[in-house]
Every structure is written in C-alpha cells, then in structure tokens.
Amino acid sequence: MNLMDNKLQCKRCGKPIKGGCYNTPDGPFCVDCWENKISEKTKKNYEKQALKRLQTVGIGFKKKIGNEQNPSMWKV
C-alpha cells in the first residue's frame, strides 16, 4: 500500500474530502457535516482547543526569541 494513496476523510461521515474542509483539533470534517451535523457547542469547544494550542506555541516562541535577545537568560 502506497502512503500517497490515502485520502483525507471526514471524521464524522467517513467520505473522502475532495474540496475544502474544516480542520479541527480532533480531525477534518467535510463542509456538509460541519455546517449541518456538528452542534454549535462542539464548534466552540474545537475553537477553544485550537486557540489554546496556538497560545502555547506563541508563548514558547516568545520565550525563545526573548532568550536570544537577552544573553543573560540563555540556558547552558
């Protein structure tokens, strides 16, 4: 089996995704499932998870840049 043969599939319905999709922390959803089958509460939960992960990455990036600009904070 060739790894390139794997198709992106909707997490909810399992159909192959050919066009756009919603890429959530839990996996990709096709547009139809996202707009018609996923509750607003679940969508907000996915949004919170994604923002929390981005915040963590941003904090790590800020600390790394801060340490490069201030040599006294470099860890040996």
PDB file of N, CA and C in Angstrom:
ATOM      1  N   MET A   1       0.842  -1.191   0.000  1.00  0.00           N
ATOM      2  CA  MET A   1       0.000   0.000   0.000  1.00  0.00           C
ATOM      3  C   MET A   1       0.883   1.249   0.000  1.00  0.00           C
ATOM      4  N   ASN A   2       0.602   2.133  -0.881  1.00  0.00           N
ATOM      5  CA  ASN A   2       1.351   3.372  -1.016  1.00  0.00           C
ATOM      6  C   ASN A   2       0.747   4.426  -0.087  1.00  0.00           C
ATOM      7  N   LEU A   3       1.578   5.087   0.704  1.00  0.00           N
ATOM      8  CA  LEU A   3       1.074   6.107   1.621  1.00  0.00           C
ATOM      9  C   LEU A   3       0.417   7.266   0.895  1.00  0.00           C
ATOM     10  N   MET A   4       0.812   7.502  -0.337  1.00  0.00           N
ATOM     11  CA  MET A   4       0.234   8.604  -1.104  1.00  0.00           C
ATOM     12  C   MET A   4      -1.189   8.293  -1.565  1.00  0.00           C
ATOM     13  N   ASP A   5      -1.610   7.033  -1.449  1.00  0.00           N
ATOM     14  CA  ASP A   5      -2.958   6.650  -1.851  1.00  0.00           C
ATOM     15  C   ASP A   5      -3.997   7.000  -0.790  1.00  0.00           C
ATOM     16  N   ASN A   6      -3.558   7.311   0.423  1.00  0.00           N
ATOM     17  CA  ASN A   6      -4.503   7.642   1.490  1.00  0.00           C
ATOM     18  C   ASN A   6      -5.219   8.943   1.170  1.00  0.00           C
ATOM     19  N   LYS A   7      -6.515   8.927   1.294  1.00  0.00           N
ATOM     20  CA  LYS A   7      -7.335  10.107   1.031  1.00  0.00           C
ATOM     21  C   LYS A   7      -7.744  10.732   2.363  1.00  0.00           C
ATOM     22  N   LEU A   8      -7.868  12.034   2.376  1.00  0.00           N
ATOM     23  CA  LEU A   8      -8.367  12.740   3.540  1.00  0.00           C
ATOM     24  C   LEU A   8      -9.848  12.429   3.671  1.00  0.00           C
ATOM     25  N   GLN A   9     -10.265  11.967   4.856  1.00  0.00           N
ATOM     26  CA  GLN A   9     -11.657  11.585   5.061  1.00  0.00           C
ATOM     27  C   GLN A   9     -12.272  12.383   6.197  1.00  0.00           C
ATOM     28  N   CYS A  10     -13.576  12.616   6.071  1.00  0.00           N
ATOM     29  CA  CYS A  10     -14.328  13.309   7.107  1.00  0.00           C
ATOM     30  C   CYS A  10     -14.382  12.441   8.358  1.00  0.00           C
ATOM     31  N   LYS A  11     -14.141  13.041   9.498  1.00  0.00           N
ATOM     32  CA  LYS A  11     -14.172  12.319  10.762  1.00  0.00           C
ATOM     33  C   LYS A  11     -15.573  11.826  11.097  1.00  0.00           C
ATOM     34  N   ARG A  12     -16.578  12.561  10.690  1.00  0.00           N
ATOM     35  CA  ARG A  12     -17.960  12.207  11.039  1.00  0.00           C
ATOM     36  C   ARG A  12     -18.569  11.181  10.086  1.00  0.00           C
ATOM     37  N   CYS A  13     -18.553  11.457   8.787  1.00  0.00           N
ATOM     38  CA  CYS A  13     -19.238  10.578   7.825  1.00  0.00           C
ATOM     39  C   CYS A  13     -18.296   9.614   7.114  1.00  0.00           C
ATOM     40  N   GLY A  14     -17.000   9.872   7.151  1.00  0.00           N
ATOM     41  CA  GLY A  14     -16.028   8.978   6.532  1.00  0.00           C
ATOM     42  C   GLY A  14     -15.860   9.147   5.035  1.00  0.00           C
ATOM     43  N   LYS A  15     -16.578  10.087   4.442  1.00  0.00           N
ATOM     44  CA  LYS A  15     -16.463  10.307   2.999  1.00  0.00           C
ATOM     45  C   LYS A  15     -15.130  10.988   2.680  1.00  0.00           C
ATOM     46  N   PRO A  16     -14.555  10.667   1.515  1.00  0.00           N
ATOM     47  CA  PRO A  16     -13.324  11.362   1.110  1.00  0.00           C
ATOM     48  C   PRO A  16     -13.592  12.857   0.909  1.00  0.00           C
ATOM     49  N   ILE A  17     -12.655  13.674   1.339  1.00  0.00           N
ATOM     50  CA  ILE A  17     -12.786  15.122   1.192  1.00  0.00           C
ATOM     51  C   ILE A  17     -12.022  15.528  -0.057  1.00  0.00           C
ATOM     52  N   LYS A  18     -12.735  16.101  -1.010  1.00  0.00           N
ATOM     53  CA  LYS A  18     -12.120  16.482  -2.284  1.00  0.00           C
ATOM     54  C   LYS A  18     -11.862  17.980  -2.359  1.00  0.00           C
ATOM     55  N   GLY A  19     -12.691  18.769  -1.712  1.00  0.00           N
ATOM     56  CA  GLY A  19     -12.537  20.219  -1.752  1.00  0.00           C
ATOM     57  C   GLY A  19     -12.053  20.724  -0.411  1.00  0.00           C
ATOM     58  N   GLY A  20     -12.691  21.783   0.052  1.00  0.00           N
ATOM     59  CA  GLY A  20     -12.332  22.363   1.335  1.00  0.00           C
ATOM     60  C   GLY A  20     -12.851  21.539   2.494  1.00  0.00           C
ATOM     61  N   CYS A  21     -12.270  21.768   3.662  1.00  0.00           N
ATOM     62  CA  CYS A  21     -12.722  21.074   4.865  1.00  0.00           C
ATOM     63  C   CYS A  21     -12.457  21.954   6.079  1.00  0.00           C
ATOM     64  N   TYR A  22     -13.025  21.562   7.197  1.00  0.00           N
ATOM     65  CA  TYR A  22     -12.767  22.213   8.473  1.00  0.00           C
ATOM     66  C   TYR A  22     -11.786  21.324   9.224  1.00  0.00           C
ATOM     67  N   ASN A  23     -10.595  21.831   9.453  1.00  0.00           N
ATOM     68  CA  ASN A  23      -9.552  21.066  10.124  1.00  0.00           C
ATOM     69  C   ASN A  23      -9.568  21.426  11.602  1.00  0.00           C
ATOM     70  N   THR A  24     -10.114  20.538  12.417  1.00  0.00           N
ATOM     71  CA  THR A  24     -10.250  20.779  13.847  1.00  0.00           C
ATOM     72  C   THR A  24      -9.155  20.041  14.604  1.00  0.00           C
ATOM     73  N   PRO A  25      -8.982  20.331  15.896  1.00  0.00           N
ATOM     74  CA  PRO A  25      -8.005  19.586  16.688  1.00  0.00           C
ATOM     75  C   PRO A  25      -8.317  18.087  16.753  1.00  0.00           C
ATOM     76  N   ASP A  26      -9.578  17.728  16.505  1.00  0.00           N
ATOM     77  CA  ASP A  26      -9.994  16.332  16.577  1.00  0.00           C
ATOM     78  C   ASP A  26      -9.927  15.630  15.227  1.00  0.00           C
ATOM     79  N   GLY A  27      -9.726  16.372  14.146  1.00  0.00           N
ATOM     80  CA  GLY A  27      -9.659  15.790  12.811  1.00  0.00           C
ATOM     81  C   GLY A  27     -10.461  16.602  11.815  1.00  0.00           C
ATOM     82  N   PRO A  28     -10.341  16.269  10.525  1.00  0.00           N
ATOM     83  CA  PRO A  28     -11.030  17.044   9.486  1.00  0.00           C
ATOM     84  C   PRO A  28     -12.510  16.672   9.356  1.00  0.00           C
ATOM     85  N   PHE A  29     -13.325  17.667   9.058  1.00  0.00           N
ATOM     86  CA  PHE A  29     -14.750  17.470   8.801  1.00  0.00           C
ATOM     87  C   PHE A  29     -15.073  18.050   7.435  1.00  0.00           C
ATOM     88  N   CYS A  30     -15.920  17.349   6.664  1.00  0.00           N
ATOM     89  CA  CYS A  30     -16.365  17.901   5.387  1.00  0.00           C
ATOM     90  C   CYS A  30     -17.303  19.075   5.670  1.00  0.00           C
ATOM     91  N   VAL A  31     -17.493  19.914   4.690  1.00  0.00           N
ATOM     92  CA  VAL A  31     -18.311  21.118   4.850  1.00  0.00           C
ATOM     93  C   VAL A  31     -19.742  20.750   5.232  1.00  0.00           C
ATOM     94  N   ASP A  32     -20.298  19.713   4.600  1.00  0.00           N
ATOM     95  CA  ASP A  32     -21.677  19.316   4.876  1.00  0.00           C
ATOM     96  C   ASP A  32     -21.859  18.913   6.339  1.00  0.00           C
ATOM     97  N   CYS A  33     -20.980  18.075   6.849  1.00  0.00           N
ATOM     98  CA  CYS A  33     -21.085  17.655   8.254  1.00  0.00           C
ATOM     99  C   CYS A  33     -20.889  18.837   9.195  1.00  0.00           C
ATOM    100  N   TRP A  34     -19.897  19.672   8.911  1.00  0.00           N
ATOM    101  CA  TRP A  34     -19.603  20.801   9.794  1.00  0.00           C
ATOM    102  C   TRP A  34     -20.782  21.761   9.881  1.00  0.00           C
ATOM    103  N   GLU A  35     -21.373  22.076   8.747  1.00  0.00           N
ATOM    104  CA  GLU A  35     -22.446  23.072   8.732  1.00  0.00           C
ATOM    105  C   GLU A  35     -23.790  22.509   9.170  1.00  0.00           C
ATOM    106  N   ASN A  36     -24.015  21.202   9.006  1.00  0.00           N
ATOM    107  CA  ASN A  36     -25.343  20.652   9.260  1.00  0.00           C
ATOM    108  C   ASN A  36     -25.426  19.650  10.405  1.00  0.00           C
ATOM    109  N   LYS A  37     -24.311  19.056  10.823  1.00  0.00           N
ATOM    110  CA  LYS A  37     -24.392  17.963  11.793  1.00  0.00           C
ATOM    111  C   LYS A  37     -23.618  18.201  13.085  1.00  0.00           C
ATOM    112  N   ILE A  38     -22.791  19.214  13.124  1.00  0.00           N
ATOM    113  CA  ILE A  38     -21.989  19.495  14.315  1.00  0.00           C
ATOM    114  C   ILE A  38     -22.660  20.621  15.097  1.00  0.00           C
ATOM    115  N   SER A  39     -22.846  20.398  16.403  1.00  0.00           N
ATOM    116  CA  SER A  39     -23.527  21.400  17.228  1.00  0.00           C
ATOM    117  C   SER A  39     -22.646  22.632  17.432  1.00  0.00           C
ATOM    118  N   GLU A  40     -23.291  23.740  17.722  1.00  0.00           N
ATOM    119  CA  GLU A  40     -22.555  24.986  17.981  1.00  0.00           C
ATOM    120  C   GLU A  40     -21.669  24.844  19.216  1.00  0.00           C
ATOM    121  N   LYS A  41     -22.129  24.092  20.197  1.00  0.00           N
ATOM    122  CA  LYS A  41     -21.342  23.873  21.411  1.00  0.00           C
ATOM    123  C   LYS A  41     -20.030  23.147  21.074  1.00  0.00           C
ATOM    124  N   THR A  42     -20.118  22.138  20.228  1.00  0.00           N
ATOM    125  CA  THR A  42     -18.928  21.390  19.817  1.00  0.00           C
ATOM    126  C   THR A  42     -17.987  22.273  19.012  1.00  0.00           C
ATOM    127  N   LYS A  43     -18.547  23.090  18.126  1.00  0.00           N
ATOM    128  CA  LYS A  43     -17.721  24.002  17.327  1.00  0.00           C
ATOM    129  C   LYS A  43     -16.956  24.963  18.229  1.00  0.00           C
ATOM    130  N   LYS A  44     -17.628  25.511  19.235  1.00  0.00           N
ATOM    131  CA  LYS A  44     -16.969  26.433  20.175  1.00  0.00           C
ATOM    132  C   LYS A  44     -15.869  25.713  20.952  1.00  0.00           C
ATOM    133  N   ASN A  45     -16.126  24.456  21.320  1.00  0.00           N
ATOM    134  CA  ASN A  45     -15.124  23.680  22.042  1.00  0.00           C
ATOM    135  C   ASN A  45     -13.877  23.470  21.185  1.00  0.00           C
ATOM    136  N   TYR A  46     -14.067  23.129  19.907  1.00  0.00           N
ATOM    137  CA  TYR A  46     -12.931  22.978  18.992  1.00  0.00           C
ATOM    138  C   TYR A  46     -12.178  24.297  18.840  1.00  0.00           C
ATOM    139  N   GLU A  47     -12.915  25.396  18.767  1.00  0.00           N
ATOM    140  CA  GLU A  47     -12.284  26.713  18.640  1.00  0.00           C
ATOM    141  C   GLU A  47     -11.422  27.013  19.865  1.00  0.00           C
ATOM    142  N   LYS A  48     -11.940  26.727  21.057  1.00  0.00           N
ATOM    143  CA  LYS A  48     -11.178  26.959  22.287  1.00  0.00           C
ATOM    144  C   LYS A  48      -9.911  26.112  22.316  1.00  0.00           C
ATOM    145  N   GLN A  49     -10.027  24.840  21.902  1.00  0.00           N
ATOM    146  CA  GLN A  49      -8.857  23.956  21.876  1.00  0.00           C
ATOM    147  C   GLN A  49      -7.787  24.489  20.923  1.00  0.00           C
ATOM    148  N   ALA A  50      -8.212  24.909  19.744  1.00  0.00           N
ATOM    149  CA  ALA A  50      -7.261  25.419  18.746  1.00  0.00           C
ATOM    150  C   ALA A  50      -6.576  26.689  19.245  1.00  0.00           C
ATOM    151  N   LEU A  51      -7.339  27.593  19.833  1.00  0.00           N
ATOM    152  CA  LEU A  51      -6.756  28.839  20.338  1.00  0.00           C
ATOM    153  C   LEU A  51      -5.796  28.575  21.488  1.00  0.00           C
ATOM    154  N   LYS A  52      -6.108  27.610  22.348  1.00  0.00           N
ATOM    155  CA  LYS A  52      -5.230  27.268  23.461  1.00  0.00           C
ATOM    156  C   LYS A  52      -3.895  26.725  22.937  1.00  0.00           C
ATOM    157  N   ARG A  53      -3.967  25.880  21.900  1.00  0.00           N
ATOM    158  CA  ARG A  53      -2.735  25.337  21.315  1.00  0.00           C
ATOM    159  C   ARG A  53      -1.907  26.436  20.664  1.00  0.00           C
ATOM    160  N   LEU A  54      -2.561  27.351  19.964  1.00  0.00           N
ATOM    161  CA  LEU A  54      -1.840  28.466  19.342  1.00  0.00           C
ATOM    162  C   LEU A  54      -1.209  29.364  20.399  1.00  0.00           C
ATOM    163  N   GLN A  55      -1.912  29.557  21.509  1.00  0.00           N
ATOM    164  CA  GLN A  55      -1.372  30.362  22.600  1.00  0.00           C
ATOM    165  C   GLN A  55      -0.105  29.712  23.155  1.00  0.00           C
ATOM    166  N   THR A  56      -0.131  28.408  23.333  1.00  0.00           N
ATOM    167  CA  THR A  56       1.028  27.686  23.851  1.00  0.00           C
ATOM    168  C   THR A  56       2.219  27.815  22.907  1.00  0.00           C
ATOM    169  N   VAL A  57       1.979  27.680  21.619  1.00  0.00           N
ATOM    170  CA  VAL A  57       3.048  27.827  20.628  1.00  0.00           C
ATOM    171  C   VAL A  57       3.590  29.255  20.659  1.00  0.00           C
ATOM    172  N   GLY A  58       2.711  30.231  20.743  1.00  0.00           N
ATOM    173  CA  GLY A  58       3.129  31.629  20.782  1.00  0.00           C
ATOM    174  C   GLY A  58       3.965  31.954  22.001  1.00  0.00           C
ATOM    175  N   ILE A  59       3.572  31.415  23.154  1.00  0.00           N
ATOM    176  CA  ILE A  59       4.334  31.653  24.383  1.00  0.00           C
ATOM    177  C   ILE A  59       5.724  31.041  24.255  1.00  0.00           C
ATOM    178  N   GLY A  60       5.795  29.823  23.723  1.00  0.00           N
ATOM    179  CA  GLY A  60       7.095  29.173  23.526  1.00  0.00           C
ATOM    180  C   GLY A  60       7.972  29.951  22.565  1.00  0.00           C
ATOM    181  N   PHE A  61       7.373  30.451  21.487  1.00  0.00           N
ATOM    182  CA  PHE A  61       8.117  31.227  20.503  1.00  0.00           C
ATOM    183  C   PHE A  61       8.612  32.531  21.117  1.00  0.00           C
ATOM    184  N   LYS A  62       7.765  33.178  21.901  1.00  0.00           N
ATOM    185  CA  LYS A  62       8.137  34.443  22.537  1.00  0.00           C
ATOM    186  C   LYS A  62       9.297  34.224  23.509  1.00  0.00           C
ATOM    187  N   LYS A  63       9.254  33.140  24.273  1.00  0.00           N
ATOM    188  CA  LYS A  63      10.335  32.853  25.217  1.00  0.00           C
ATOM    189  C   LYS A  63      11.639  32.587  24.475  1.00  0.00           C
ATOM    190  N   LYS A  64      11.572  31.853  23.364  1.00  0.00           N
ATOM    191  CA  LYS A  64      12.776  31.545  22.596  1.00  0.00           C
ATOM    192  C   LYS A  64      13.381  32.823  22.028  1.00  0.00           C
ATOM    193  N   ILE A  65      12.561  33.682  21.450  1.00  0.00           N
ATOM    194  CA  ILE A  65      13.051  34.947  20.893  1.00  0.00           C
ATOM    195  C   ILE A  65      13.599  35.826  22.017  1.00  0.00           C
ATOM    196  N   GLY A  66      12.910  35.873  23.148  1.00  0.00           N
ATOM    197  CA  GLY A  66      13.364  36.679  24.281  1.00  0.00           C
ATOM    198  C   GLY A  66      14.724  36.230  24.782  1.00  0.00           C
ATOM    199  N   ASN A  67      14.942  34.922  24.831  1.00  0.00           N
ATOM    200  CA  ASN A  67      16.227  34.397  25.291  1.00  0.00           C
ATOM    201  C   ASN A  67      17.342  34.714  24.313  1.00  0.00           C
ATOM    202  N   GLU A  68      17.043  34.750  23.019  1.00  0.00           N
ATOM    203  CA  GLU A  68      18.066  35.068  22.027  1.00  0.00           C
ATOM    204  C   GLU A  68      18.456  36.539  22.096  1.00  0.00           C
ATOM    205  N   GLN A  69      17.534  37.392  22.489  1.00  0.00           N
ATOM    206  CA  GLN A  69      17.819  38.821  22.564  1.00  0.00           C
ATOM    207  C   GLN A  69      18.493  39.200  23.877  1.00  0.00           C
ATOM    208  N   ASN A  70      18.356  38.377  24.901  1.00  0.00           N
ATOM    209  CA  ASN A  70      18.932  38.663  26.202  1.00  0.00           C
ATOM    210  C   ASN A  70      19.872  37.514  26.581  1.00  0.00           C
ATOM    211  N   PRO A  71      21.165  37.631  26.290  1.00  0.00           N
ATOM    212  CA  PRO A  71      22.111  36.535  26.537  1.00  0.00           C
ATOM    213  C   PRO A  71      22.166  36.087  27.991  1.00  0.00           C
ATOM    214  N   SER A  72      21.848  36.949  28.946  1.00  0.00           N
ATOM    215  CA  SER A  72      21.901  36.544  30.345  1.00  0.00           C
ATOM    216  C   SER A  72      20.851  35.489  30.667  1.00  0.00           C
ATOM    217  N   MET A  73      19.840  35.342  29.795  1.00  0.00           N
ATOM    218  CA  MET A  73      18.793  34.357  30.036  1.00  0.00           C
ATOM    219  C   MET A  73      19.066  33.042  29.309  1.00  0.00           C
ATOM    220  N   TRP A  74      20.158  32.971  28.552  1.00  0.00           N
ATOM    221  CA  TRP A  74      20.465  31.740  27.823  1.00  0.00           C
ATOM    222  C   TRP A  74      20.731  30.628  28.814  1.00  0.00           C
ATOM    223  N   LYS A  75      20.213  29.470  28.508  1.00  0.00           N
ATOM    224  CA  LYS A  75      20.447  28.314  29.377  1.00  0.00           C
ATOM    225  C   LYS A  75      21.585  27.494  28.799  1.00  0.00           C
ATOM    226  N   VAL A  76      22.481  27.077  29.653  1.00  0.00           N
ATOM    227  CA  VAL A  76      23.633  26.287  29.211  1.00  0.00           C
ATOM    228  C   VAL A  76      23.421  24.850  29.584  1.00  0.00           C
TER     229      VAL A  76
END
